[in-house]
């Protein structure tokens, strides 16, 4: 929704149970 990833990437990420790990620069 925030445009950080595409809908397609979001769908594949959800199916594959991808959890992004981020930090602060």
PDBML (XML) file of the C-alpha atoms, coordinates in Angstrom:
<?xml version="1.0" encoding="UTF-8" ?>
<PDBx:datablock datablockName="MODEL"
   xmlns:PDBx="http://pdbml.pdb.org/schema/pdbx-v50.xsd"
   xmlns:xsi="http://www.w3.org/2001/XMLSchema-instance"
   xsi:schemaLocation="http://pdbml.pdb.org/schema/pdbx-v50.xsd pdbx-v50.xsd">
   <PDBx:atom_siteCategory>
      <PDBx:atom_site id="1">
         <PDBx:B_iso_or_equiv>0.00</PDBx:B_iso_or_equiv>
         <PDBx:Cartn_x>0.000</PDBx:Cartn_x>
         <PDBx:Cartn_y>0.000</PDBx:Cartn_y>
         <PDBx:Cartn_z>0.000</PDBx:Cartn_z>
         <PDBx:auth_asym_id>A</PDBx:auth_asym_id>
         <PDBx:auth_atom_id>CA</PDBx:auth_atom_id>
         <PDBx:auth_comp_id>UNK</PDBx:auth_comp_id>
         <PDBx:auth_seq_id>1</PDBx:auth_seq_id>
         <PDBx:group_PDB>ATOM</PDBx:group_PDB>
         <PDBx:label_alt_id xsi:nil="true" />
         <PDBx:label_asym_id>A</PDBx:label_asym_id>
         <PDBx:label_atom_id>CA</PDBx:label_atom_id>
         <PDBx:label_comp_id>UNK</PDBx:label_comp_id>
         <PDBx:label_entity_id>1</PDBx:label_entity_id>
         <PDBx:label_seq_id>1</PDBx:label_seq_id>
         <PDBx:occupancy>1.00</PDBx:occupancy>
         <PDBx:pdbx_PDB_model_num>1</PDBx:pdbx_PDB_model_num>
         <PDBx:type_symbol>C</PDBx:type_symbol>
      </PDBx:atom_site>
      <PDBx:atom_site id="2">
         <PDBx:B_iso_or_equiv>0.00</PDBx:B_iso_or_equiv>
         <PDBx:Cartn_x>2.883</PDBx:Cartn_x>
         <PDBx:Cartn_y>2.370</PDBx:Cartn_y>
         <PDBx:Cartn_z>0.732</PDBx:Cartn_z>
         <PDBx:auth_asym_id>A</PDBx:auth_asym_id>
         <PDBx:auth_atom_id>CA</PDBx:auth_atom_id>
         <PDBx:auth_comp_id>UNK</PDBx:auth_comp_id>
         <PDBx:auth_seq_id>2</PDBx:auth_seq_id>
         <PDBx:group_PDB>ATOM</PDBx:group_PDB>
         <PDBx:label_alt_id xsi:nil="true" />
         <PDBx:label_asym_id>A</PDBx:label_asym_id>
         <PDBx:label_atom_id>CA</PDBx:label_atom_id>
         <PDBx:label_comp_id>UNK</PDBx:label_comp_id>
         <PDBx:label_entity_id>1</PDBx:label_entity_id>
         <PDBx:label_seq_id>2</PDBx:label_seq_id>
         <PDBx:occupancy>1.00</PDBx:occupancy>
         <PDBx:pdbx_PDB_model_num>1</PDBx:pdbx_PDB_model_num>
         <PDBx:type_symbol>C</PDBx:type_symbol>
      </PDBx:atom_site>
      <PDBx:atom_site id="3">
         <PDBx:B_iso_or_equiv>0.00</PDBx:B_iso_or_equiv>
         <PDBx:Cartn_x>4.519</PDBx:Cartn_x>
         <PDBx:Cartn_y>1.636</PDBx:Cartn_y>
         <PDBx:Cartn_z>-2.615</PDBx:Cartn_z>
         <PDBx:auth_asym_id>A</PDBx:auth_asym_id>
         <PDBx:auth_atom_id>CA</PDBx:auth_atom_id>
         <PDBx:auth_comp_id>UNK</PDBx:auth_comp_id>
         <PDBx:auth_seq_id>3</PDBx:auth_seq_id>
         <PDBx:group_PDB>ATOM</PDBx:group_PDB>
         <PDBx:label_alt_id xsi:nil="true" />
         <PDBx:label_asym_id>A</PDBx:label_asym_id>
         <PDBx:label_atom_id>CA</PDBx:label_atom_id>
         <PDBx:label_comp_id>UNK</PDBx:label_comp_id>
         <PDBx:label_entity_id>1</PDBx:label_entity_id>
         <PDBx:label_seq_id>3</PDBx:label_seq_id>
         <PDBx:occupancy>1.00</PDBx:occupancy>
         <PDBx:pdbx_PDB_model_num>1</PDBx:pdbx_PDB_model_num>
         <PDBx:type_symbol>C</PDBx:type_symbol>
      </PDBx:atom_site>
      <PDBx:atom_site id="4">
         <PDBx:B_iso_or_equiv>0.00</PDBx:B_iso_or_equiv>
         <PDBx:Cartn_x>7.651</PDBx:Cartn_x>
         <PDBx:Cartn_y>0.116</PDBx:Cartn_y>
         <PDBx:Cartn_z>-1.072</PDBx:Cartn_z>
         <PDBx:auth_asym_id>A</PDBx:auth_asym_id>
         <PDBx:auth_atom_id>CA</PDBx:auth_atom_id>
         <PDBx:auth_comp_id>UNK</PDBx:auth_comp_id>
         <PDBx:auth_seq_id>4</PDBx:auth_seq_id>
         <PDBx:group_PDB>ATOM</PDBx:group_PDB>
         <PDBx:label_alt_id xsi:nil="true" />
         <PDBx:label_asym_id>A</PDBx:label_asym_id>
         <PDBx:label_atom_id>CA</PDBx:label_atom_id>
         <PDBx:label_comp_id>UNK</PDBx:label_comp_id>
         <PDBx:label_entity_id>1</PDBx:label_entity_id>
         <PDBx:label_seq_id>4</PDBx:label_seq_id>
         <PDBx:occupancy>1.00</PDBx:occupancy>
         <PDBx:pdbx_PDB_model_num>1</PDBx:pdbx_PDB_model_num>
         <PDBx:type_symbol>C</PDBx:type_symbol>
      </PDBx:atom_site>
      <PDBx:atom_site id="5">
         <PDBx:B_iso_or_equiv>0.00</PDBx:B_iso_or_equiv>
         <PDBx:Cartn_x>7.135</PDBx:Cartn_x>
         <PDBx:Cartn_y>-3.096</PDBx:Cartn_y>
         <PDBx:Cartn_z>-3.000</PDBx:Cartn_z>
         <PDBx:auth_asym_id>A</PDBx:auth_asym_id>
         <PDBx:auth_atom_id>CA</PDBx:auth_atom_id>
         <PDBx:auth_comp_id>UNK</PDBx:auth_comp_id>
         <PDBx:auth_seq_id>5</PDBx:auth_seq_id>
         <PDBx:group_PDB>ATOM</PDBx:group_PDB>
         <PDBx:label_alt_id xsi:nil="true" />
         <PDBx:label_asym_id>A</PDBx:label_asym_id>
         <PDBx:label_atom_id>CA</PDBx:label_atom_id>
         <PDBx:label_comp_id>UNK</PDBx:label_comp_id>
         <PDBx:label_entity_id>1</PDBx:label_entity_id>
         <PDBx:label_seq_id>5</PDBx:label_seq_id>
         <PDBx:occupancy>1.00</PDBx:occupancy>
         <PDBx:pdbx_PDB_model_num>1</PDBx:pdbx_PDB_model_num>
         <PDBx:type_symbol>C</PDBx:type_symbol>
      </PDBx:atom_site>
      <PDBx:atom_site id="6">
         <PDBx:B_iso_or_equiv>0.00</PDBx:B_iso_or_equiv>
         <PDBx:Cartn_x>4.999</PDBx:Cartn_x>
         <PDBx:Cartn_y>-3.919</PDBx:Cartn_y>
         <PDBx:Cartn_z>-6.025</PDBx:Cartn_z>
         <PDBx:auth_asym_id>A</PDBx:auth_asym_id>
         <PDBx:auth_atom_id>CA</PDBx:auth_atom_id>
         <PDBx:auth_comp_id>UNK</PDBx:auth_comp_id>
         <PDBx:auth_seq_id>6</PDBx:auth_seq_id>
         <PDBx:group_PDB>ATOM</PDBx:group_PDB>
         <PDBx:label_alt_id xsi:nil="true" />
         <PDBx:label_asym_id>A</PDBx:label_asym_id>
         <PDBx:label_atom_id>CA</PDBx:label_atom_id>
         <PDBx:label_comp_id>UNK</PDBx:label_comp_id>
         <PDBx:label_entity_id>1</PDBx:label_entity_id>
         <PDBx:label_seq_id>6</PDBx:label_seq_id>
         <PDBx:occupancy>1.00</PDBx:occupancy>
         <PDBx:pdbx_PDB_model_num>1</PDBx:pdbx_PDB_model_num>
         <PDBx:type_symbol>C</PDBx:type_symbol>
      </PDBx:atom_site>
      <PDBx:atom_site id="7">
         <PDBx:B_iso_or_equiv>0.00</PDBx:B_iso_or_equiv>
         <PDBx:Cartn_x>1.757</PDBx:Cartn_x>
         <PDBx:Cartn_y>-5.845</PDBx:Cartn_y>
         <PDBx:Cartn_z>-5.831</PDBx:Cartn_z>
         <PDBx:auth_asym_id>A</PDBx:auth_asym_id>
         <PDBx:auth_atom_id>CA</PDBx:auth_atom_id>
         <PDBx:auth_comp_id>UNK</PDBx:auth_comp_id>
         <PDBx:auth_seq_id>7</PDBx:auth_seq_id>
         <PDBx:group_PDB>ATOM</PDBx:group_PDB>
         <PDBx:label_alt_id xsi:nil="true" />
         <PDBx:label_asym_id>A</PDBx:label_asym_id>
         <PDBx:label_atom_id>CA</PDBx:label_atom_id>
         <PDBx:label_comp_id>UNK</PDBx:label_comp_id>
         <PDBx:label_entity_id>1</PDBx:label_entity_id>
         <PDBx:label_seq_id>7</PDBx:label_seq_id>
         <PDBx:occupancy>1.00</PDBx:occupancy>
         <PDBx:pdbx_PDB_model_num>1</PDBx:pdbx_PDB_model_num>
         <PDBx:type_symbol>C</PDBx:type_symbol>
      </PDBx:atom_site>
      <PDBx:atom_site id="8">
         <PDBx:B_iso_or_equiv>0.00</PDBx:B_iso_or_equiv>
         <PDBx:Cartn_x>3.416</PDBx:Cartn_x>
         <PDBx:Cartn_y>-8.762</PDBx:Cartn_y>
         <PDBx:Cartn_z>-7.639</PDBx:Cartn_z>
         <PDBx:auth_asym_id>A</PDBx:auth_asym_id>
         <PDBx:auth_atom_id>CA</PDBx:auth_atom_id>
         <PDBx:auth_comp_id>UNK</PDBx:auth_comp_id>
         <PDBx:auth_seq_id>8</PDBx:auth_seq_id>
         <PDBx:group_PDB>ATOM</PDBx:group_PDB>
         <PDBx:label_alt_id xsi:nil="true" />
         <PDBx:label_asym_id>A</PDBx:label_asym_id>
         <PDBx:label_atom_id>CA</PDBx:label_atom_id>
         <PDBx:label_comp_id>UNK</PDBx:label_comp_id>
         <PDBx:label_entity_id>1</PDBx:label_entity_id>
         <PDBx:label_seq_id>8</PDBx:label_seq_id>
         <PDBx:occupancy>1.00</PDBx:occupancy>
         <PDBx:pdbx_PDB_model_num>1</PDBx:pdbx_PDB_model_num>
         <PDBx:type_symbol>C</PDBx:type_symbol>
      </PDBx:atom_site>
      <PDBx:atom_site id="9">
         <PDBx:B_iso_or_equiv>0.00</PDBx:B_iso_or_equiv>
         <PDBx:Cartn_x>6.334</PDBx:Cartn_x>
         <PDBx:Cartn_y>-8.816</PDBx:Cartn_y>
         <PDBx:Cartn_z>-5.184</PDBx:Cartn_z>
         <PDBx:auth_asym_id>A</PDBx:auth_asym_id>
         <PDBx:auth_atom_id>CA</PDBx:auth_atom_id>
         <PDBx:auth_comp_id>UNK</PDBx:auth_comp_id>
         <PDBx:auth_seq_id>9</PDBx:auth_seq_id>
         <PDBx:group_PDB>ATOM</PDBx:group_PDB>
         <PDBx:label_alt_id xsi:nil="true" />
         <PDBx:label_asym_id>A</PDBx:label_asym_id>
         <PDBx:label_atom_id>CA</PDBx:label_atom_id>
         <PDBx:label_comp_id>UNK</PDBx:label_comp_id>
         <PDBx:label_entity_id>1</PDBx:label_entity_id>
         <PDBx:label_seq_id>9</PDBx:label_seq_id>
         <PDBx:occupancy>1.00</PDBx:occupancy>
         <PDBx:pdbx_PDB_model_num>1</PDBx:pdbx_PDB_model_num>
         <PDBx:type_symbol>C</PDBx:type_symbol>
      </PDBx:atom_site>
      <PDBx:atom_site id="10">
         <PDBx:B_iso_or_equiv>0.00</PDBx:B_iso_or_equiv>
         <PDBx:Cartn_x>3.907</PDBx:Cartn_x>
         <PDBx:Cartn_y>-8.563</PDBx:Cartn_y>
         <PDBx:Cartn_z>-2.300</PDBx:Cartn_z>
         <PDBx:auth_asym_id>A</PDBx:auth_asym_id>
         <PDBx:auth_atom_id>CA</PDBx:auth_atom_id>
         <PDBx:auth_comp_id>UNK</PDBx:auth_comp_id>
         <PDBx:auth_seq_id>10</PDBx:auth_seq_id>
         <PDBx:group_PDB>ATOM</PDBx:group_PDB>
         <PDBx:label_alt_id xsi:nil="true" />
         <PDBx:label_asym_id>A</PDBx:label_asym_id>
         <PDBx:label_atom_id>CA</PDBx:label_atom_id>
         <PDBx:label_comp_id>UNK</PDBx:label_comp_id>
         <PDBx:label_entity_id>1</PDBx:label_entity_id>
         <PDBx:label_seq_id>10</PDBx:label_seq_id>
         <PDBx:occupancy>1.00</PDBx:occupancy>
         <PDBx:pdbx_PDB_model_num>1</PDBx:pdbx_PDB_model_num>
         <PDBx:type_symbol>C</PDBx:type_symbol>
      </PDBx:atom_site>
      <PDBx:atom_site id="11">
         <PDBx:B_iso_or_equiv>0.00</PDBx:B_iso_or_equiv>
         <PDBx:Cartn_x>1.897</PDBx:Cartn_x>
         <PDBx:Cartn_y>-11.518</PDBx:Cartn_y>
         <PDBx:Cartn_z>-3.609</PDBx:Cartn_z>
         <PDBx:auth_asym_id>A</PDBx:auth_asym_id>
         <PDBx:auth_atom_id>CA</PDBx:auth_atom_id>
         <PDBx:auth_comp_id>UNK</PDBx:auth_comp_id>
         <PDBx:auth_seq_id>11</PDBx:auth_seq_id>
         <PDBx:group_PDB>ATOM</PDBx:group_PDB>
         <PDBx:label_alt_id xsi:nil="true" />
         <PDBx:label_asym_id>A</PDBx:label_asym_id>
         <PDBx:label_atom_id>CA</PDBx:label_atom_id>
         <PDBx:label_comp_id>UNK</PDBx:label_comp_id>
         <PDBx:label_entity_id>1</PDBx:label_entity_id>
         <PDBx:label_seq_id>11</PDBx:label_seq_id>
         <PDBx:occupancy>1.00</PDBx:occupancy>
         <PDBx:pdbx_PDB_model_num>1</PDBx:pdbx_PDB_model_num>
         <PDBx:type_symbol>C</PDBx:type_symbol>
      </PDBx:atom_site>
      <PDBx:atom_site id="12">
         <PDBx:B_iso_or_equiv>0.00</PDBx:B_iso_or_equiv>
         <PDBx:Cartn_x>4.960</PDBx:Cartn_x>
         <PDBx:Cartn_y>-13.697</PDBx:Cartn_y>
         <PDBx:Cartn_z>-4.155</PDBx:Cartn_z>
         <PDBx:auth_asym_id>A</PDBx:auth_asym_id>
         <PDBx:auth_atom_id>CA</PDBx:auth_atom_id>
         <PDBx:auth_comp_id>UNK</PDBx:auth_comp_id>
         <PDBx:auth_seq_id>12</PDBx:auth_seq_id>
         <PDBx:group_PDB>ATOM</PDBx:group_PDB>
         <PDBx:label_alt_id xsi:nil="true" />
         <PDBx:label_asym_id>A</PDBx:label_asym_id>
         <PDBx:label_atom_id>CA</PDBx:label_atom_id>
         <PDBx:label_comp_id>UNK</PDBx:label_comp_id>
         <PDBx:label_entity_id>1</PDBx:label_entity_id>
         <PDBx:label_seq_id>12</PDBx:label_seq_id>
         <PDBx:occupancy>1.00</PDBx:occupancy>
         <PDBx:pdbx_PDB_model_num>1</PDBx:pdbx_PDB_model_num>
         <PDBx:type_symbol>C</PDBx:type_symbol>
      </PDBx:atom_site>
      <PDBx:atom_site id="13">
         <PDBx:B_iso_or_equiv>0.00</PDBx:B_iso_or_equiv>
         <PDBx:Cartn_x>6.407</PDBx:Cartn_x>
         <PDBx:Cartn_y>-12.621</PDBx:Cartn_y>
         <PDBx:Cartn_z>-0.808</PDBx:Cartn_z>
         <PDBx:auth_asym_id>A</PDBx:auth_asym_id>
         <PDBx:auth_atom_id>CA</PDBx:auth_atom_id>
         <PDBx:auth_comp_id>UNK</PDBx:auth_comp_id>
         <PDBx:auth_seq_id>13</PDBx:auth_seq_id>
         <PDBx:group_PDB>ATOM</PDBx:group_PDB>
         <PDBx:label_alt_id xsi:nil="true" />
         <PDBx:label_asym_id>A</PDBx:label_asym_id>
         <PDBx:label_atom_id>CA</PDBx:label_atom_id>
         <PDBx:label_comp_id>UNK</PDBx:label_comp_id>
         <PDBx:label_entity_id>1</PDBx:label_entity_id>
         <PDBx:label_seq_id>13</PDBx:label_seq_id>
         <PDBx:occupancy>1.00</PDBx:occupancy>
         <PDBx:pdbx_PDB_model_num>1</PDBx:pdbx_PDB_model_num>
         <PDBx:type_symbol>C</PDBx:type_symbol>
      </PDBx:atom_site>
      <PDBx:atom_site id="14">
         <PDBx:B_iso_or_equiv>0.00</PDBx:B_iso_or_equiv>
         <PDBx:Cartn_x>3.192</PDBx:Cartn_x>
         <PDBx:Cartn_y>-13.566</PDBx:Cartn_y>
         <PDBx:Cartn_z>0.969</PDBx:Cartn_z>
         <PDBx:auth_asym_id>A</PDBx:auth_asym_id>
         <PDBx:auth_atom_id>CA</PDBx:auth_atom_id>
         <PDBx:auth_comp_id>UNK</PDBx:auth_comp_id>
         <PDBx:auth_seq_id>14</PDBx:auth_seq_id>
         <PDBx:group_PDB>ATOM</PDBx:group_PDB>
         <PDBx:label_alt_id xsi:nil="true" />
         <PDBx:label_asym_id>A</PDBx:label_asym_id>
         <PDBx:label_atom_id>CA</PDBx:label_atom_id>
         <PDBx:label_comp_id>UNK</PDBx:label_comp_id>
         <PDBx:label_entity_id>1</PDBx:label_entity_id>
         <PDBx:label_seq_id>14</PDBx:label_seq_id>
         <PDBx:occupancy>1.00</PDBx:occupancy>
         <PDBx:pdbx_PDB_model_num>1</PDBx:pdbx_PDB_model_num>
         <PDBx:type_symbol>C</PDBx:type_symbol>
      </PDBx:atom_site>
      <PDBx:atom_site id="15">
         <PDBx:B_iso_or_equiv>0.00</PDBx:B_iso_or_equiv>
         <PDBx:Cartn_x>2.999</PDBx:Cartn_x>
         <PDBx:Cartn_y>-16.950</PDBx:Cartn_y>
         <PDBx:Cartn_z>-0.769</PDBx:Cartn_z>
         <PDBx:auth_asym_id>A</PDBx:auth_asym_id>
         <PDBx:auth_atom_id>CA</PDBx:auth_atom_id>
         <PDBx:auth_comp_id>UNK</PDBx:auth_comp_id>
         <PDBx:auth_seq_id>15</PDBx:auth_seq_id>
         <PDBx:group_PDB>ATOM</PDBx:group_PDB>
         <PDBx:label_alt_id xsi:nil="true" />
         <PDBx:label_asym_id>A</PDBx:label_asym_id>
         <PDBx:label_atom_id>CA</PDBx:label_atom_id>
         <PDBx:label_comp_id>UNK</PDBx:label_comp_id>
         <PDBx:label_entity_id>1</PDBx:label_entity_id>
         <PDBx:label_seq_id>15</PDBx:label_seq_id>
         <PDBx:occupancy>1.00</PDBx:occupancy>
         <PDBx:pdbx_PDB_model_num>1</PDBx:pdbx_PDB_model_num>
         <PDBx:type_symbol>C</PDBx:type_symbol>
      </PDBx:atom_site>
      <PDBx:atom_site id="16">
         <PDBx:B_iso_or_equiv>0.00</PDBx:B_iso_or_equiv>
         <PDBx:Cartn_x>6.661</PDBx:Cartn_x>
         <PDBx:Cartn_y>-17.686</PDBx:Cartn_y>
         <PDBx:Cartn_z>0.046</PDBx:Cartn_z>
         <PDBx:auth_asym_id>A</PDBx:auth_asym_id>
         <PDBx:auth_atom_id>CA</PDBx:auth_atom_id>
         <PDBx:auth_comp_id>UNK</PDBx:auth_comp_id>
         <PDBx:auth_seq_id>16</PDBx:auth_seq_id>
         <PDBx:group_PDB>ATOM</PDBx:group_PDB>
         <PDBx:label_alt_id xsi:nil="true" />
         <PDBx:label_asym_id>A</PDBx:label_asym_id>
         <PDBx:label_atom_id>CA</PDBx:label_atom_id>
         <PDBx:label_comp_id>UNK</PDBx:label_comp_id>
         <PDBx:label_entity_id>1</PDBx:label_entity_id>
         <PDBx:label_seq_id>16</PDBx:label_seq_id>
         <PDBx:occupancy>1.00</PDBx:occupancy>
         <PDBx:pdbx_PDB_model_num>1</PDBx:pdbx_PDB_model_num>
         <PDBx:type_symbol>C</PDBx:type_symbol>
      </PDBx:atom_site>
      <PDBx:atom_site id="17">
         <PDBx:B_iso_or_equiv>0.00</PDBx:B_iso_or_equiv>
         <PDBx:Cartn_x>6.274</PDBx:Cartn_x>
         <PDBx:Cartn_y>-16.276</PDBx:Cartn_y>
         <PDBx:Cartn_z>3.594</PDBx:Cartn_z>
         <PDBx:auth_asym_id>A</PDBx:auth_asym_id>
         <PDBx:auth_atom_id>CA</PDBx:auth_atom_id>
         <PDBx:auth_comp_id>UNK</PDBx:auth_comp_id>
         <PDBx:auth_seq_id>17</PDBx:auth_seq_id>
         <PDBx:group_PDB>ATOM</PDBx:group_PDB>
         <PDBx:label_alt_id xsi:nil="true" />
         <PDBx:label_asym_id>A</PDBx:label_asym_id>
         <PDBx:label_atom_id>CA</PDBx:label_atom_id>
         <PDBx:label_comp_id>UNK</PDBx:label_comp_id>
         <PDBx:label_entity_id>1</PDBx:label_entity_id>
         <PDBx:label_seq_id>17</PDBx:label_seq_id>
         <PDBx:occupancy>1.00</PDBx:occupancy>
         <PDBx:pdbx_PDB_model_num>1</PDBx:pdbx_PDB_model_num>
         <PDBx:type_symbol>C</PDBx:type_symbol>
      </PDBx:atom_site>
      <PDBx:atom_site id="18">
         <PDBx:B_iso_or_equiv>0.00</PDBx:B_iso_or_equiv>
         <PDBx:Cartn_x>9.042</PDBx:Cartn_x>
         <PDBx:Cartn_y>-13.728</PDBx:Cartn_y>
         <PDBx:Cartn_z>3.065</PDBx:Cartn_z>
         <PDBx:auth_asym_id>A</PDBx:auth_asym_id>
         <PDBx:auth_atom_id>CA</PDBx:auth_atom_id>
         <PDBx:auth_comp_id>UNK</PDBx:auth_comp_id>
         <PDBx:auth_seq_id>18</PDBx:auth_seq_id>
         <PDBx:group_PDB>ATOM</PDBx:group_PDB>
         <PDBx:label_alt_id xsi:nil="true" />
         <PDBx:label_asym_id>A</PDBx:label_asym_id>
         <PDBx:label_atom_id>CA</PDBx:label_atom_id>
         <PDBx:label_comp_id>UNK</PDBx:label_comp_id>
         <PDBx:label_entity_id>1</PDBx:label_entity_id>
         <PDBx:label_seq_id>18</PDBx:label_seq_id>
         <PDBx:occupancy>1.00</PDBx:occupancy>
         <PDBx:pdbx_PDB_model_num>1</PDBx:pdbx_PDB_model_num>
         <PDBx:type_symbol>C</PDBx:type_symbol>
      </PDBx:atom_site>
      <PDBx:atom_site id="19">
         <PDBx:B_iso_or_equiv>0.00</PDBx:B_iso_or_equiv>
         <PDBx:Cartn_x>9.708</PDBx:Cartn_x>
         <PDBx:Cartn_y>-11.477</PDBx:Cartn_y>
         <PDBx:Cartn_z>6.061</PDBx:Cartn_z>
         <PDBx:auth_asym_id>A</PDBx:auth_asym_id>
         <PDBx:auth_atom_id>CA</PDBx:auth_atom_id>
         <PDBx:auth_comp_id>UNK</PDBx:auth_comp_id>
         <PDBx:auth_seq_id>19</PDBx:auth_seq_id>
         <PDBx:group_PDB>ATOM</PDBx:group_PDB>
         <PDBx:label_alt_id xsi:nil="true" />
         <PDBx:label_asym_id>A</PDBx:label_asym_id>
         <PDBx:label_atom_id>CA</PDBx:label_atom_id>
         <PDBx:label_comp_id>UNK</PDBx:label_comp_id>
         <PDBx:label_entity_id>1</PDBx:label_entity_id>
         <PDBx:label_seq_id>19</PDBx:label_seq_id>
         <PDBx:occupancy>1.00</PDBx:occupancy>
         <PDBx:pdbx_PDB_model_num>1</PDBx:pdbx_PDB_model_num>
         <PDBx:type_symbol>C</PDBx:type_symbol>
      </PDBx:atom_site>
      <PDBx:atom_site id="20">
         <PDBx:B_iso_or_equiv>0.00</PDBx:B_iso_or_equiv>
         <PDBx:Cartn_x>11.837</PDBx:Cartn_x>
         <PDBx:Cartn_y>-8.411</PDBx:Cartn_y>
         <PDBx:Cartn_z>5.245</PDBx:Cartn_z>
         <PDBx:auth_asym_id>A</PDBx:auth_asym_id>
         <PDBx:auth_atom_id>CA</PDBx:auth_atom_id>
         <PDBx:auth_comp_id>UNK</PDBx:auth_comp_id>
         <PDBx:auth_seq_id>20</PDBx:auth_seq_id>
         <PDBx:group_PDB>ATOM</PDBx:group_PDB>
         <PDBx:label_alt_id xsi:nil="true" />
         <PDBx:label_asym_id>A</PDBx:label_asym_id>
         <PDBx:label_atom_id>CA</PDBx:label_atom_id>
         <PDBx:label_comp_id>UNK</PDBx:label_comp_id>
         <PDBx:label_entity_id>1</PDBx:label_entity_id>
         <PDBx:label_seq_id>20</PDBx:label_seq_id>
         <PDBx:occupancy>1.00</PDBx:occupancy>
         <PDBx:pdbx_PDB_model_num>1</PDBx:pdbx_PDB_model_num>
         <PDBx:type_symbol>C</PDBx:type_symbol>
      </PDBx:atom_site>
      <PDBx:atom_site id="21">
         <PDBx:B_iso_or_equiv>0.00</PDBx:B_iso_or_equiv>
         <PDBx:Cartn_x>14.504</PDBx:Cartn_x>
         <PDBx:Cartn_y>-7.520</PDBx:Cartn_y>
         <PDBx:Cartn_z>7.804</PDBx:Cartn_z>
         <PDBx:auth_asym_id>A</PDBx:auth_asym_id>
         <PDBx:auth_atom_id>CA</PDBx:auth_atom_id>
         <PDBx:auth_comp_id>UNK</PDBx:auth_comp_id>
         <PDBx:auth_seq_id>21</PDBx:auth_seq_id>
         <PDBx:group_PDB>ATOM</PDBx:group_PDB>
         <PDBx:label_alt_id xsi:nil="true" />
         <PDBx:label_asym_id>A</PDBx:label_asym_id>
         <PDBx:label_atom_id>CA</PDBx:label_atom_id>
         <PDBx:label_comp_id>UNK</PDBx:label_comp_id>
         <PDBx:label_entity_id>1</PDBx:label_entity_id>
         <PDBx:label_seq_id>21</PDBx:label_seq_id>
         <PDBx:occupancy>1.00</PDBx:occupancy>
         <PDBx:pdbx_PDB_model_num>1</PDBx:pdbx_PDB_model_num>
         <PDBx:type_symbol>C</PDBx:type_symbol>
      </PDBx:atom_site>
      <PDBx:atom_site id="22">
         <PDBx:B_iso_or_equiv>0.00</PDBx:B_iso_or_equiv>
         <PDBx:Cartn_x>15.321</PDBx:Cartn_x>
         <PDBx:Cartn_y>-3.798</PDBx:Cartn_y>
         <PDBx:Cartn_z>7.880</PDBx:Cartn_z>
         <PDBx:auth_asym_id>A</PDBx:auth_asym_id>
         <PDBx:auth_atom_id>CA</PDBx:auth_atom_id>
         <PDBx:auth_comp_id>UNK</PDBx:auth_comp_id>
         <PDBx:auth_seq_id>22</PDBx:auth_seq_id>
         <PDBx:group_PDB>ATOM</PDBx:group_PDB>
         <PDBx:label_alt_id xsi:nil="true" />
         <PDBx:label_asym_id>A</PDBx:label_asym_id>
         <PDBx:label_atom_id>CA</PDBx:label_atom_id>
         <PDBx:label_comp_id>UNK</PDBx:label_comp_id>
         <PDBx:label_entity_id>1</PDBx:label_entity_id>
         <PDBx:label_seq_id>22</PDBx:label_seq_id>
         <PDBx:occupancy>1.00</PDBx:occupancy>
         <PDBx:pdbx_PDB_model_num>1</PDBx:pdbx_PDB_model_num>
         <PDBx:type_symbol>C</PDBx:type_symbol>
      </PDBx:atom_site>
      <PDBx:atom_site id="23">
         <PDBx:B_iso_or_equiv>0.00</PDBx:B_iso_or_equiv>
         <PDBx:Cartn_x>17.468</PDBx:Cartn_x>
         <PDBx:Cartn_y>-1.445</PDBx:Cartn_y>
         <PDBx:Cartn_z>9.889</PDBx:Cartn_z>
         <PDBx:auth_asym_id>A</PDBx:auth_asym_id>
         <PDBx:auth_atom_id>CA</PDBx:auth_atom_id>
         <PDBx:auth_comp_id>UNK</PDBx:auth_comp_id>
         <PDBx:auth_seq_id>23</PDBx:auth_seq_id>
         <PDBx:group_PDB>ATOM</PDBx:group_PDB>
         <PDBx:label_alt_id xsi:nil="true" />
         <PDBx:label_asym_id>A</PDBx:label_asym_id>
         <PDBx:label_atom_id>CA</PDBx:label_atom_id>
         <PDBx:label_comp_id>UNK</PDBx:label_comp_id>
         <PDBx:label_entity_id>1</PDBx:label_entity_id>
         <PDBx:label_seq_id>23</PDBx:label_seq_id>
         <PDBx:occupancy>1.00</PDBx:occupancy>
         <PDBx:pdbx_PDB_model_num>1</PDBx:pdbx_PDB_model_num>
         <PDBx:type_symbol>C</PDBx:type_symbol>
      </PDBx:atom_site>
      <PDBx:atom_site id="24">
         <PDBx:B_iso_or_equiv>0.00</PDBx:B_iso_or_equiv>
         <PDBx:Cartn_x>17.935</PDBx:Cartn_x>
         <PDBx:Cartn_y>2.305</PDBx:Cartn_y>
         <PDBx:Cartn_z>10.214</PDBx:Cartn_z>
         <PDBx:auth_asym_id>A</PDBx:auth_asym_id>
         <PDBx:auth_atom_id>CA</PDBx:auth_atom_id>
         <PDBx:auth_comp_id>UNK</PDBx:auth_comp_id>
         <PDBx:auth_seq_id>24</PDBx:auth_seq_id>
         <PDBx:group_PDB>ATOM</PDBx:group_PDB>
         <PDBx:label_alt_id xsi:nil="true" />
         <PDBx:label_asym_id>A</PDBx:label_asym_id>
         <PDBx:label_atom_id>CA</PDBx:label_atom_id>
         <PDBx:label_comp_id>UNK</PDBx:label_comp_id>
         <PDBx:label_entity_id>1</PDBx:label_entity_id>
         <PDBx:label_seq_id>24</PDBx:label_seq_id>
         <PDBx:occupancy>1.00</PDBx:occupancy>
         <PDBx:pdbx_PDB_model_num>1</PDBx:pdbx_PDB_model_num>
         <PDBx:type_symbol>C</PDBx:type_symbol>
      </PDBx:atom_site>
      <PDBx:atom_site id="25">
         <PDBx:B_iso_or_equiv>0.00</PDBx:B_iso_or_equiv>
         <PDBx:Cartn_x>20.841</PDBx:Cartn_x>
         <PDBx:Cartn_y>4.031</PDBx:Cartn_y>
         <PDBx:Cartn_z>8.456</PDBx:Cartn_z>
         <PDBx:auth_asym_id>A</PDBx:auth_asym_id>
         <PDBx:auth_atom_id>CA</PDBx:auth_atom_id>
         <PDBx:auth_comp_id>UNK</PDBx:auth_comp_id>
         <PDBx:auth_seq_id>25</PDBx:auth_seq_id>
         <PDBx:group_PDB>ATOM</PDBx:group_PDB>
         <PDBx:label_alt_id xsi:nil="true" />
         <PDBx:label_asym_id>A</PDBx:label_asym_id>
         <PDBx:label_atom_id>CA</PDBx:label_atom_id>
         <PDBx:label_comp_id>UNK</PDBx:label_comp_id>
         <PDBx:label_entity_id>1</PDBx:label_entity_id>
         <PDBx:label_seq_id>25</PDBx:label_seq_id>
         <PDBx:occupancy>1.00</PDBx:occupancy>
         <PDBx:pdbx_PDB_model_num>1</PDBx:pdbx_PDB_model_num>
         <PDBx:type_symbol>C</PDBx:type_symbol>
      </PDBx:atom_site>
   </PDBx:atom_siteCategory>
</PDBx:datablock>
